[in-house]
Amino acid sequence: ADELQPFDKETITAWEAGAKTTFLDRRLVVNGAAFYYDYNDLQLYTFTNVGGVPVQLLTNASSAEIYGAELEISARPTEPLTLSLGAGLLHTALKGFRSDGGVDLSGNRLVLAPSTTLNGLARYEFPVRDTSWKIAVQTDFRYQDKVYFSTANSPLLAQPGYWIWNARLSLLEKDDRWEIAAQVRNIGDKDY
C-alpha cells in the first residue's frame, strides 16, 4: 500500500542565539531569540490519490529552511499592574521537494507555520480590604496570521489570520494558595 512506503530519518542543523535580561530591579524583563534551522530529509505528510481516494503519506522533503525571531517584554510599572507583550516572526520554505504527482512544492511554507504571532496581557491586582484576599482583573490576546494545512499551500486548506481576546476575574489569597476565577475565552466568538 502507498501509505506503507519507507521514509528516511530527518536531520537538522540548528543555530540559536538569545538573551534574557532584567532591568529596574526586575520590574522589566526583556527576552529575545533568533534562530536558523536547516533540515535534511524533513519528514512531512502529503496527500496522494489512490484509486480516487485521497491518502495521507509520511514522506521526506529534500530539505527545508526555517528562520525567525521572538521577543517577549514583561513589565510591572506599579506593584499591582503587570503588562506583557510578545511577538514572533517566522520564515519557512521547502527546498527541492516534489509531490508524488510530480508537482514542484519548493518554496512552499511548512504546514501550521504562521509568519507572524503576537500575544499580550494586562493584569491588575488589588487587595480586598481587611482580609487576606485580593482581586485580579486580567485581559489577554493572541494573534496568528495565515497557516496552511497542506504542503501544497492550497488556499482551500488554509486558516486565515485571526485575533482571540480573553478576560478573567479572580479572587485569590494573597499568598496565591487558593483562587476562585471566572473567565471568558474568545470574547469575540471568533471561528477558527
N, C-alpha and C. Protein backbone atom coordinates (compact mmCIF):
# COMPACT_ATOMS: atom_id res chain seq x y z
N ALA A 1 0.84 -1.18 0.00
CA ALA A 1 0.00 0.00 0.00
C ALA A 1 0.89 1.24 0.00
N ASP A 2 0.40 2.30 -0.66
CA ASP A 2 1.18 3.53 -0.77
C ASP A 2 1.53 4.12 0.59
N GLU A 3 0.59 4.02 1.55
CA GLU A 3 0.84 4.63 2.85
C GLU A 3 1.86 3.86 3.69
N LEU A 4 2.33 2.70 3.21
CA LEU A 4 3.31 1.92 3.95
C LEU A 4 4.72 2.02 3.35
N GLN A 5 4.95 2.99 2.46
CA GLN A 5 6.26 3.17 1.86
C GLN A 5 7.26 3.65 2.92
N PRO A 6 8.52 3.23 2.84
CA PRO A 6 9.51 3.66 3.83
C PRO A 6 9.87 5.14 3.66
N PHE A 7 10.39 5.72 4.71
CA PHE A 7 10.86 7.09 4.66
C PHE A 7 12.17 7.16 5.45
N ASP A 8 12.96 8.20 5.16
CA ASP A 8 14.28 8.35 5.79
C ASP A 8 14.19 9.15 7.08
N LYS A 9 15.22 8.98 7.92
CA LYS A 9 15.29 9.81 9.12
C LYS A 9 15.64 11.23 8.72
N GLU A 10 15.15 12.20 9.49
CA GLU A 10 15.48 13.59 9.20
C GLU A 10 16.63 14.04 10.10
N THR A 11 17.37 15.01 9.61
CA THR A 11 18.44 15.61 10.41
C THR A 11 18.28 17.12 10.37
N ILE A 12 18.79 17.76 11.40
CA ILE A 12 18.66 19.21 11.49
C ILE A 12 19.96 19.81 12.00
N THR A 13 20.35 20.91 11.40
CA THR A 13 21.41 21.75 11.93
C THR A 13 20.73 23.00 12.46
N ALA A 14 20.86 23.23 13.76
CA ALA A 14 20.13 24.32 14.40
C ALA A 14 21.10 25.33 15.00
N TRP A 15 20.83 26.59 14.72
CA TRP A 15 21.61 27.70 15.29
C TRP A 15 20.62 28.61 16.02
N GLU A 16 20.93 28.91 17.27
CA GLU A 16 20.07 29.80 18.05
C GLU A 16 20.93 30.73 18.87
N ALA A 17 20.46 31.94 19.04
CA ALA A 17 21.12 32.92 19.91
C ALA A 17 20.02 33.71 20.59
N GLY A 18 20.23 34.03 21.86
CA GLY A 18 19.22 34.77 22.57
C GLY A 18 19.76 35.38 23.83
N ALA A 19 18.90 36.15 24.47
CA ALA A 19 19.27 36.80 25.72
C ALA A 19 18.05 36.94 26.61
N LYS A 20 18.28 36.77 27.91
CA LYS A 20 17.25 37.01 28.92
C LYS A 20 17.79 38.09 29.83
N THR A 21 17.08 39.21 29.92
CA THR A 21 17.59 40.34 30.69
C THR A 21 16.54 40.86 31.65
N THR A 22 16.99 41.44 32.74
CA THR A 22 16.10 42.11 33.67
C THR A 22 16.66 43.50 33.95
N PHE A 23 15.74 44.44 34.16
CA PHE A 23 16.10 45.82 34.43
C PHE A 23 15.21 46.35 35.56
N LEU A 24 15.59 47.48 36.08
CA LEU A 24 14.78 48.21 37.05
C LEU A 24 14.34 47.33 38.21
N ASP A 25 15.31 46.64 38.82
CA ASP A 25 15.02 45.79 39.98
C ASP A 25 13.96 44.73 39.64
N ARG A 26 14.13 44.10 38.47
CA ARG A 26 13.28 43.00 37.97
C ARG A 26 11.85 43.44 37.62
N ARG A 27 11.64 44.74 37.47
CA ARG A 27 10.31 45.21 37.09
C ARG A 27 10.14 45.20 35.57
N LEU A 28 11.24 45.04 34.85
CA LEU A 28 11.20 44.95 33.39
C LEU A 28 12.04 43.76 32.96
N VAL A 29 11.42 42.86 32.23
CA VAL A 29 12.11 41.67 31.72
C VAL A 29 12.00 41.70 30.19
N VAL A 30 13.13 41.55 29.53
CA VAL A 30 13.16 41.52 28.06
C VAL A 30 13.91 40.25 27.65
N ASN A 31 13.24 39.40 26.90
CA ASN A 31 13.83 38.16 26.39
C ASN A 31 13.73 38.17 24.87
N GLY A 32 14.78 37.77 24.21
CA GLY A 32 14.76 37.71 22.76
C GLY A 32 15.59 36.55 22.24
N ALA A 33 15.23 36.07 21.08
CA ALA A 33 15.97 34.97 20.46
C ALA A 33 15.84 35.05 18.95
N ALA A 34 16.88 34.60 18.27
CA ALA A 34 16.86 34.44 16.82
C ALA A 34 17.35 33.03 16.53
N PHE A 35 16.84 32.44 15.46
CA PHE A 35 17.19 31.05 15.17
C PHE A 35 17.22 30.79 13.67
N TYR A 36 17.97 29.75 13.32
CA TYR A 36 18.07 29.27 11.94
C TYR A 36 18.14 27.75 11.99
N TYR A 37 17.23 27.07 11.28
CA TYR A 37 17.21 25.61 11.23
C TYR A 37 17.33 25.18 9.78
N ASP A 38 18.24 24.24 9.54
CA ASP A 38 18.42 23.67 8.20
C ASP A 38 18.12 22.18 8.29
N TYR A 39 16.99 21.78 7.71
CA TYR A 39 16.57 20.37 7.75
C TYR A 39 17.04 19.65 6.50
N ASN A 40 17.44 18.40 6.66
CA ASN A 40 17.66 17.49 5.55
C ASN A 40 16.73 16.30 5.74
N ASP A 41 16.11 15.88 4.65
CA ASP A 41 15.14 14.78 4.68
C ASP A 41 14.02 15.05 5.69
N LEU A 42 13.51 16.27 5.70
CA LEU A 42 12.41 16.64 6.59
C LEU A 42 11.23 15.69 6.40
N GLN A 43 10.75 15.12 7.48
CA GLN A 43 9.58 14.25 7.41
C GLN A 43 8.33 15.10 7.44
N LEU A 44 7.43 14.86 6.49
CA LEU A 44 6.18 15.60 6.45
C LEU A 44 5.10 14.76 5.78
N TYR A 45 3.87 15.19 5.99
CA TYR A 45 2.73 14.48 5.39
C TYR A 45 2.32 15.17 4.10
N THR A 46 2.01 14.34 3.10
CA THR A 46 1.46 14.82 1.84
C THR A 46 0.24 13.98 1.50
N PHE A 47 -0.56 14.50 0.59
CA PHE A 47 -1.73 13.75 0.12
C PHE A 47 -1.47 13.22 -1.27
N THR A 48 -1.97 12.02 -1.54
CA THR A 48 -1.91 11.45 -2.87
C THR A 48 -3.23 10.74 -3.13
N ASN A 49 -3.57 10.54 -4.40
CA ASN A 49 -4.80 9.83 -4.75
C ASN A 49 -4.48 8.37 -5.03
N VAL A 50 -5.21 7.49 -4.37
CA VAL A 50 -5.08 6.05 -4.60
C VAL A 50 -6.47 5.55 -4.99
N GLY A 51 -6.65 5.30 -6.28
CA GLY A 51 -7.95 4.84 -6.76
C GLY A 51 -9.05 5.85 -6.52
N GLY A 52 -8.71 7.14 -6.62
CA GLY A 52 -9.71 8.19 -6.42
C GLY A 52 -9.94 8.55 -4.95
N VAL A 53 -9.21 7.91 -4.06
CA VAL A 53 -9.36 8.19 -2.63
C VAL A 53 -8.10 8.91 -2.15
N PRO A 54 -8.26 10.10 -1.51
CA PRO A 54 -7.08 10.79 -1.00
C PRO A 54 -6.49 10.05 0.20
N VAL A 55 -5.17 9.83 0.15
CA VAL A 55 -4.46 9.12 1.21
C VAL A 55 -3.34 10.02 1.71
N GLN A 56 -3.19 10.11 3.02
CA GLN A 56 -2.12 10.91 3.60
C GLN A 56 -0.89 10.03 3.78
N LEU A 57 0.27 10.52 3.26
CA LEU A 57 1.51 9.76 3.32
C LEU A 57 2.56 10.51 4.12
N LEU A 58 3.33 9.78 4.92
CA LEU A 58 4.51 10.35 5.56
C LEU A 58 5.67 10.13 4.61
N THR A 59 6.34 11.23 4.23
CA THR A 59 7.42 11.15 3.26
C THR A 59 8.51 12.14 3.64
N ASN A 60 9.53 12.25 2.82
CA ASN A 60 10.63 13.18 3.09
C ASN A 60 10.71 14.25 2.02
N ALA A 61 10.95 15.48 2.44
CA ALA A 61 11.33 16.55 1.52
C ALA A 61 12.86 16.54 1.46
N SER A 62 13.43 17.02 0.37
CA SER A 62 14.90 17.07 0.30
C SER A 62 15.44 17.88 1.46
N SER A 63 14.91 19.09 1.64
CA SER A 63 15.35 19.92 2.75
C SER A 63 14.33 21.01 3.00
N ALA A 64 14.52 21.69 4.11
CA ALA A 64 13.66 22.83 4.46
C ALA A 64 14.50 23.83 5.24
N GLU A 65 14.14 25.09 5.09
CA GLU A 65 14.84 26.16 5.78
C GLU A 65 13.84 26.91 6.66
N ILE A 66 14.23 27.12 7.90
CA ILE A 66 13.37 27.82 8.85
C ILE A 66 14.24 28.84 9.58
N TYR A 67 13.77 30.07 9.64
CA TYR A 67 14.46 31.06 10.46
C TYR A 67 13.47 32.07 10.99
N GLY A 68 13.84 32.71 12.08
CA GLY A 68 12.94 33.68 12.66
C GLY A 68 13.49 34.28 13.93
N ALA A 69 12.61 35.00 14.61
CA ALA A 69 12.99 35.68 15.84
C ALA A 69 11.77 35.81 16.74
N GLU A 70 12.04 35.85 18.06
CA GLU A 70 10.99 36.03 19.05
C GLU A 70 11.42 37.09 20.05
N LEU A 71 10.47 37.86 20.54
CA LEU A 71 10.75 38.88 21.54
C LEU A 71 9.62 38.88 22.56
N GLU A 72 9.98 38.90 23.84
CA GLU A 72 9.00 38.98 24.93
C GLU A 72 9.40 40.11 25.86
N ILE A 73 8.42 40.94 26.22
CA ILE A 73 8.65 42.03 27.17
C ILE A 73 7.59 41.94 28.25
N SER A 74 8.03 41.95 29.50
CA SER A 74 7.12 41.93 30.63
C SER A 74 7.50 43.07 31.57
N ALA A 75 6.49 43.83 32.00
CA ALA A 75 6.77 44.99 32.84
C ALA A 75 5.79 45.06 34.00
N ARG A 76 6.28 45.55 35.14
CA ARG A 76 5.45 45.87 36.31
C ARG A 76 5.68 47.34 36.64
N PRO A 77 4.98 48.24 35.93
CA PRO A 77 5.19 49.67 36.18
C PRO A 77 4.81 50.08 37.60
N THR A 78 3.83 49.39 38.18
CA THR A 78 3.47 49.56 39.58
C THR A 78 3.27 48.16 40.15
N GLU A 79 3.27 48.04 41.47
CA GLU A 79 3.16 46.72 42.10
C GLU A 79 1.93 45.93 41.66
N PRO A 80 0.76 46.55 41.57
CA PRO A 80 -0.42 45.75 41.19
C PRO A 80 -0.59 45.51 39.69
N LEU A 81 0.17 46.19 38.84
CA LEU A 81 -0.06 46.13 37.39
C LEU A 81 1.04 45.33 36.70
N THR A 82 0.63 44.35 35.90
CA THR A 82 1.56 43.57 35.07
C THR A 82 1.14 43.72 33.61
N LEU A 83 2.09 44.03 32.76
CA LEU A 83 1.86 44.12 31.31
C LEU A 83 2.87 43.24 30.61
N SER A 84 2.43 42.54 29.58
CA SER A 84 3.39 41.75 28.78
C SER A 84 2.99 41.78 27.32
N LEU A 85 4.00 41.66 26.48
CA LEU A 85 3.80 41.66 25.03
C LEU A 85 4.83 40.73 24.42
N GLY A 86 4.39 39.92 23.47
CA GLY A 86 5.29 39.00 22.78
C GLY A 86 5.04 39.04 21.29
N ALA A 87 6.09 38.79 20.51
CA ALA A 87 5.97 38.76 19.06
C ALA A 87 6.91 37.71 18.50
N GLY A 88 6.47 37.08 17.42
CA GLY A 88 7.30 36.10 16.74
C GLY A 88 7.22 36.29 15.24
N LEU A 89 8.35 36.20 14.58
CA LEU A 89 8.41 36.24 13.12
C LEU A 89 9.04 34.93 12.65
N LEU A 90 8.46 34.32 11.63
CA LEU A 90 8.90 33.01 11.19
C LEU A 90 8.87 32.91 9.67
N HIS A 91 9.96 32.42 9.10
CA HIS A 91 10.03 32.12 7.67
C HIS A 91 10.30 30.63 7.53
N THR A 92 9.49 29.95 6.72
CA THR A 92 9.72 28.53 6.44
C THR A 92 9.62 28.32 4.93
N ALA A 93 10.44 27.41 4.42
CA ALA A 93 10.39 27.11 2.99
C ALA A 93 10.86 25.68 2.74
N LEU A 94 10.08 24.94 1.97
CA LEU A 94 10.52 23.63 1.48
C LEU A 94 11.52 23.87 0.36
N LYS A 95 12.53 23.00 0.26
CA LYS A 95 13.54 23.14 -0.78
C LYS A 95 13.69 21.80 -1.50
N GLY A 96 13.67 21.84 -2.81
CA GLY A 96 13.90 20.64 -3.61
C GLY A 96 12.89 19.54 -3.34
N PHE A 97 11.60 19.89 -3.28
CA PHE A 97 10.59 18.88 -2.95
C PHE A 97 9.52 18.82 -4.02
N ARG A 98 9.30 17.61 -4.53
CA ARG A 98 8.23 17.35 -5.49
C ARG A 98 7.24 16.38 -4.87
N SER A 99 5.96 16.63 -5.10
CA SER A 99 4.92 15.72 -4.59
C SER A 99 4.98 14.41 -5.37
N ASP A 100 4.24 13.41 -4.90
CA ASP A 100 4.19 12.13 -5.62
C ASP A 100 3.64 12.30 -7.03
N GLY A 101 2.86 13.36 -7.24
CA GLY A 101 2.32 13.64 -8.58
C GLY A 101 3.28 14.44 -9.43
N GLY A 102 4.49 14.74 -8.93
CA GLY A 102 5.50 15.46 -9.69
C GLY A 102 5.40 16.97 -9.61
N VAL A 103 4.51 17.49 -8.77
CA VAL A 103 4.36 18.94 -8.64
C VAL A 103 5.51 19.48 -7.77
N ASP A 104 6.18 20.53 -8.26
CA ASP A 104 7.29 21.14 -7.51
C ASP A 104 6.71 22.01 -6.39
N LEU A 105 6.95 21.63 -5.16
CA LEU A 105 6.46 22.36 -3.99
C LEU A 105 7.57 23.18 -3.33
N SER A 106 8.71 23.29 -3.99
CA SER A 106 9.83 24.08 -3.46
C SER A 106 9.38 25.52 -3.24
N GLY A 107 9.76 26.06 -2.11
CA GLY A 107 9.39 27.43 -1.77
C GLY A 107 8.10 27.52 -0.97
N ASN A 108 7.31 26.46 -0.94
CA ASN A 108 6.07 26.49 -0.16
C ASN A 108 6.38 26.54 1.33
N ARG A 109 5.46 27.14 2.09
CA ARG A 109 5.61 27.20 3.53
C ARG A 109 5.29 25.85 4.15
N LEU A 110 5.88 25.59 5.32
CA LEU A 110 5.55 24.39 6.07
C LEU A 110 4.15 24.51 6.65
N VAL A 111 3.53 23.38 6.91
CA VAL A 111 2.17 23.40 7.47
C VAL A 111 2.20 23.92 8.90
N LEU A 112 1.12 24.57 9.28
CA LEU A 112 0.92 25.09 10.64
C LEU A 112 2.06 26.00 11.10
N ALA A 113 2.57 26.82 10.17
CA ALA A 113 3.70 27.71 10.47
C ALA A 113 3.32 29.16 10.15
N PRO A 114 2.72 29.86 11.12
CA PRO A 114 2.35 31.26 10.86
C PRO A 114 3.59 32.15 10.75
N SER A 115 3.56 33.10 9.84
CA SER A 115 4.69 34.02 9.67
C SER A 115 4.78 35.02 10.81
N THR A 116 3.65 35.36 11.40
CA THR A 116 3.63 36.34 12.49
C THR A 116 2.71 35.86 13.60
N THR A 117 3.18 35.96 14.84
CA THR A 117 2.34 35.72 16.00
C THR A 117 2.55 36.86 16.98
N LEU A 118 1.49 37.22 17.68
CA LEU A 118 1.54 38.26 18.70
C LEU A 118 0.76 37.79 19.91
N ASN A 119 1.13 38.24 21.09
CA ASN A 119 0.34 37.97 22.29
C ASN A 119 0.60 39.07 23.30
N GLY A 120 -0.38 39.29 24.15
CA GLY A 120 -0.23 40.32 25.16
C GLY A 120 -1.15 40.06 26.34
N LEU A 121 -0.83 40.71 27.45
CA LEU A 121 -1.60 40.51 28.67
C LEU A 121 -1.52 41.78 29.52
N ALA A 122 -2.64 42.11 30.15
CA ALA A 122 -2.68 43.18 31.15
C ALA A 122 -3.41 42.61 32.36
N ARG A 123 -2.79 42.75 33.55
CA ARG A 123 -3.37 42.20 34.78
C ARG A 123 -3.21 43.24 35.89
N TYR A 124 -4.30 43.44 36.63
CA TYR A 124 -4.27 44.38 37.74
C TYR A 124 -4.81 43.67 38.98
N GLU A 125 -4.07 43.76 40.09
CA GLU A 125 -4.48 43.13 41.35
C GLU A 125 -4.67 44.21 42.42
N PHE A 126 -5.70 44.03 43.23
CA PHE A 126 -5.89 44.94 44.36
C PHE A 126 -6.44 44.16 45.55
N PRO A 127 -6.08 44.57 46.76
CA PRO A 127 -6.49 43.84 47.96
C PRO A 127 -7.96 44.07 48.29
N VAL A 128 -8.56 43.05 48.91
CA VAL A 128 -9.90 43.21 49.47
C VAL A 128 -9.69 43.68 50.90
N ARG A 129 -10.24 44.84 51.22
CA ARG A 129 -9.97 45.50 52.50
C ARG A 129 -10.23 44.59 53.70
N ASP A 130 -9.30 44.61 54.63
CA ASP A 130 -9.40 43.90 55.91
C ASP A 130 -9.52 42.39 55.76
N THR A 131 -8.94 41.81 54.70
CA THR A 131 -8.95 40.36 54.50
C THR A 131 -7.59 39.92 54.00
N SER A 132 -7.42 38.62 53.89
CA SER A 132 -6.18 38.08 53.31
C SER A 132 -6.39 37.73 51.83
N TRP A 133 -7.35 38.35 51.20
CA TRP A 133 -7.69 38.07 49.80
C TRP A 133 -7.36 39.26 48.91
N LYS A 134 -7.23 38.99 47.63
CA LYS A 134 -7.06 40.04 46.63
C LYS A 134 -7.88 39.69 45.39
N ILE A 135 -8.16 40.68 44.59
CA ILE A 135 -8.90 40.50 43.33
C ILE A 135 -7.95 40.81 42.18
N ALA A 136 -8.03 39.99 41.15
CA ALA A 136 -7.21 40.21 39.95
C ALA A 136 -8.13 40.30 38.73
N VAL A 137 -7.92 41.32 37.93
CA VAL A 137 -8.65 41.53 36.68
C VAL A 137 -7.62 41.41 35.56
N GLN A 138 -7.92 40.59 34.57
CA GLN A 138 -6.94 40.31 33.52
C GLN A 138 -7.62 40.24 32.16
N THR A 139 -6.93 40.74 31.16
CA THR A 139 -7.33 40.53 29.78
C THR A 139 -6.08 40.14 28.99
N ASP A 140 -6.25 39.30 28.00
CA ASP A 140 -5.13 38.90 27.16
C ASP A 140 -5.60 38.67 25.74
N PHE A 141 -4.66 38.68 24.82
CA PHE A 141 -4.97 38.46 23.42
C PHE A 141 -3.87 37.64 22.77
N ARG A 142 -4.20 37.07 21.63
CA ARG A 142 -3.19 36.45 20.78
C ARG A 142 -3.62 36.60 19.33
N TYR A 143 -2.63 36.70 18.48
CA TYR A 143 -2.87 36.81 17.04
C TYR A 143 -1.98 35.81 16.33
N GLN A 144 -2.52 35.22 15.30
CA GLN A 144 -1.77 34.31 14.43
C GLN A 144 -2.17 34.61 13.01
N ASP A 145 -1.19 34.78 12.11
CA ASP A 145 -1.59 35.01 10.73
C ASP A 145 -1.80 33.67 10.01
N LYS A 146 -2.01 33.73 8.73
CA LYS A 146 -2.44 32.59 7.93
C LYS A 146 -1.52 31.38 8.06
N VAL A 147 -2.13 30.20 8.16
CA VAL A 147 -1.39 28.94 8.12
C VAL A 147 -2.01 28.03 7.07
N TYR A 148 -1.18 27.13 6.56
CA TYR A 148 -1.65 26.13 5.61
C TYR A 148 -1.70 24.77 6.30
N PHE A 149 -2.63 23.94 5.85
CA PHE A 149 -2.77 22.60 6.40
C PHE A 149 -2.24 21.53 5.44
N SER A 150 -1.71 21.96 4.30
CA SER A 150 -1.13 21.01 3.34
C SER A 150 0.16 21.57 2.77
N THR A 151 1.07 20.69 2.37
CA THR A 151 2.34 21.13 1.78
C THR A 151 2.14 21.81 0.43
N ALA A 152 0.98 21.59 -0.20
CA ALA A 152 0.68 22.24 -1.47
C ALA A 152 0.32 23.71 -1.27
N ASN A 153 0.14 24.15 -0.01
CA ASN A 153 -0.26 25.51 0.32
C ASN A 153 -1.53 25.92 -0.40
N SER A 154 -2.48 24.99 -0.47
CA SER A 154 -3.76 25.25 -1.10
C SER A 154 -4.56 26.24 -0.27
N PRO A 155 -5.12 27.28 -0.91
CA PRO A 155 -5.94 28.23 -0.16
C PRO A 155 -7.22 27.58 0.40
N LEU A 156 -7.61 26.43 -0.18
CA LEU A 156 -8.78 25.72 0.32
C LEU A 156 -8.48 24.97 1.62
N LEU A 157 -7.19 24.71 1.88
CA LEU A 157 -6.78 24.02 3.10
C LEU A 157 -5.90 24.97 3.92
N ALA A 158 -6.47 26.13 4.25
CA ALA A 158 -5.72 27.15 4.98
C ALA A 158 -6.62 27.80 6.02
N GLN A 159 -6.01 28.37 7.03
CA GLN A 159 -6.70 29.14 8.06
C GLN A 159 -6.24 30.59 7.95
N PRO A 160 -7.16 31.51 7.65
CA PRO A 160 -6.76 32.92 7.62
C PRO A 160 -6.31 33.39 9.01
N GLY A 161 -5.61 34.50 9.06
CA GLY A 161 -5.17 35.06 10.33
C GLY A 161 -6.36 35.43 11.20
N TYR A 162 -6.14 35.42 12.52
CA TYR A 162 -7.23 35.76 13.44
C TYR A 162 -6.69 36.26 14.78
N TRP A 163 -7.54 37.01 15.48
CA TRP A 163 -7.27 37.53 16.83
C TRP A 163 -8.20 36.83 17.80
N ILE A 164 -7.71 36.53 19.00
CA ILE A 164 -8.54 35.98 20.08
C ILE A 164 -8.33 36.86 21.31
N TRP A 165 -9.43 37.26 21.94
CA TRP A 165 -9.39 38.06 23.17
C TRP A 165 -10.01 37.25 24.30
N ASN A 166 -9.44 37.32 25.48
CA ASN A 166 -9.94 36.61 26.66
C ASN A 166 -9.98 37.58 27.85
N ALA A 167 -10.78 37.22 28.87
CA ALA A 167 -10.84 38.01 30.10
C ALA A 167 -10.97 37.07 31.28
N ARG A 168 -10.49 37.52 32.44
CA ARG A 168 -10.51 36.68 33.64
C ARG A 168 -10.66 37.58 34.87
N LEU A 169 -11.50 37.14 35.80
CA LEU A 169 -11.68 37.82 37.07
C LEU A 169 -11.44 36.78 38.17
N SER A 170 -10.53 37.09 39.11
CA SER A 170 -10.13 36.11 40.12
C SER A 170 -10.24 36.71 41.51
N LEU A 171 -10.58 35.87 42.45
CA LEU A 171 -10.49 36.16 43.87
C LEU A 171 -9.49 35.16 44.42
N LEU A 172 -8.38 35.65 45.00
CA LEU A 172 -7.35 34.73 45.45
C LEU A 172 -6.72 35.21 46.75
N GLU A 173 -6.21 34.23 47.50
CA GLU A 173 -5.50 34.57 48.72
C GLU A 173 -4.21 35.29 48.36
N LYS A 174 -3.75 36.13 49.25
CA LYS A 174 -2.57 36.93 48.96
C LYS A 174 -1.33 36.08 48.74
N ASP A 175 -1.27 34.90 49.33
CA ASP A 175 -0.12 34.01 49.09
C ASP A 175 -0.35 33.09 47.89
N ASP A 176 -1.43 33.29 47.16
CA ASP A 176 -1.76 32.56 45.92
C ASP A 176 -2.02 31.07 46.14
N ARG A 177 -2.36 30.65 47.38
CA ARG A 177 -2.66 29.23 47.59
C ARG A 177 -4.03 28.85 47.04
N TRP A 178 -5.01 29.73 47.16
CA TRP A 178 -6.37 29.44 46.72
C TRP A 178 -6.82 30.51 45.74
N GLU A 179 -7.62 30.07 44.77
CA GLU A 179 -8.13 31.02 43.79
C GLU A 179 -9.50 30.56 43.31
N ILE A 180 -10.40 31.51 43.19
CA ILE A 180 -11.71 31.29 42.56
C ILE A 180 -11.74 32.24 41.37
N ALA A 181 -12.04 31.70 40.18
CA ALA A 181 -11.94 32.54 38.98
C ALA A 181 -13.11 32.29 38.04
N ALA A 182 -13.45 33.33 37.32
CA ALA A 182 -14.40 33.23 36.20
C ALA A 182 -13.68 33.79 34.98
N GLN A 183 -13.83 33.12 33.87
CA GLN A 183 -13.15 33.61 32.67
C GLN A 183 -14.04 33.47 31.45
N VAL A 184 -13.76 34.31 30.50
CA VAL A 184 -14.43 34.26 29.19
C VAL A 184 -13.33 34.11 28.16
N ARG A 185 -13.38 33.05 27.39
CA ARG A 185 -12.41 32.83 26.33
C ARG A 185 -13.05 33.16 24.99
N ASN A 186 -12.24 33.71 24.10
CA ASN A 186 -12.70 34.04 22.76
C ASN A 186 -13.92 34.96 22.85
N ILE A 187 -13.72 36.12 23.48
CA ILE A 187 -14.81 37.07 23.71
C ILE A 187 -15.54 37.41 22.42
N GLY A 188 -14.84 37.57 21.33
CA GLY A 188 -15.47 37.94 20.05
C GLY A 188 -16.11 36.77 19.33
N ASP A 189 -16.09 35.57 19.93
CA ASP A 189 -16.66 34.36 19.32
C ASP A 189 -16.12 34.12 17.92
N LYS A 190 -14.78 34.24 17.80
CA LYS A 190 -14.14 34.08 16.51
C LYS A 190 -14.05 32.61 16.13
N ASP A 191 -14.53 32.25 14.95
CA ASP A 191 -14.38 30.89 14.44
C ASP A 191 -12.99 30.73 13.83
N TYR A 192 -12.32 29.65 14.18
CA TYR A 192 -11.02 29.37 13.59
C TYR A 192 -10.80 27.87 13.66
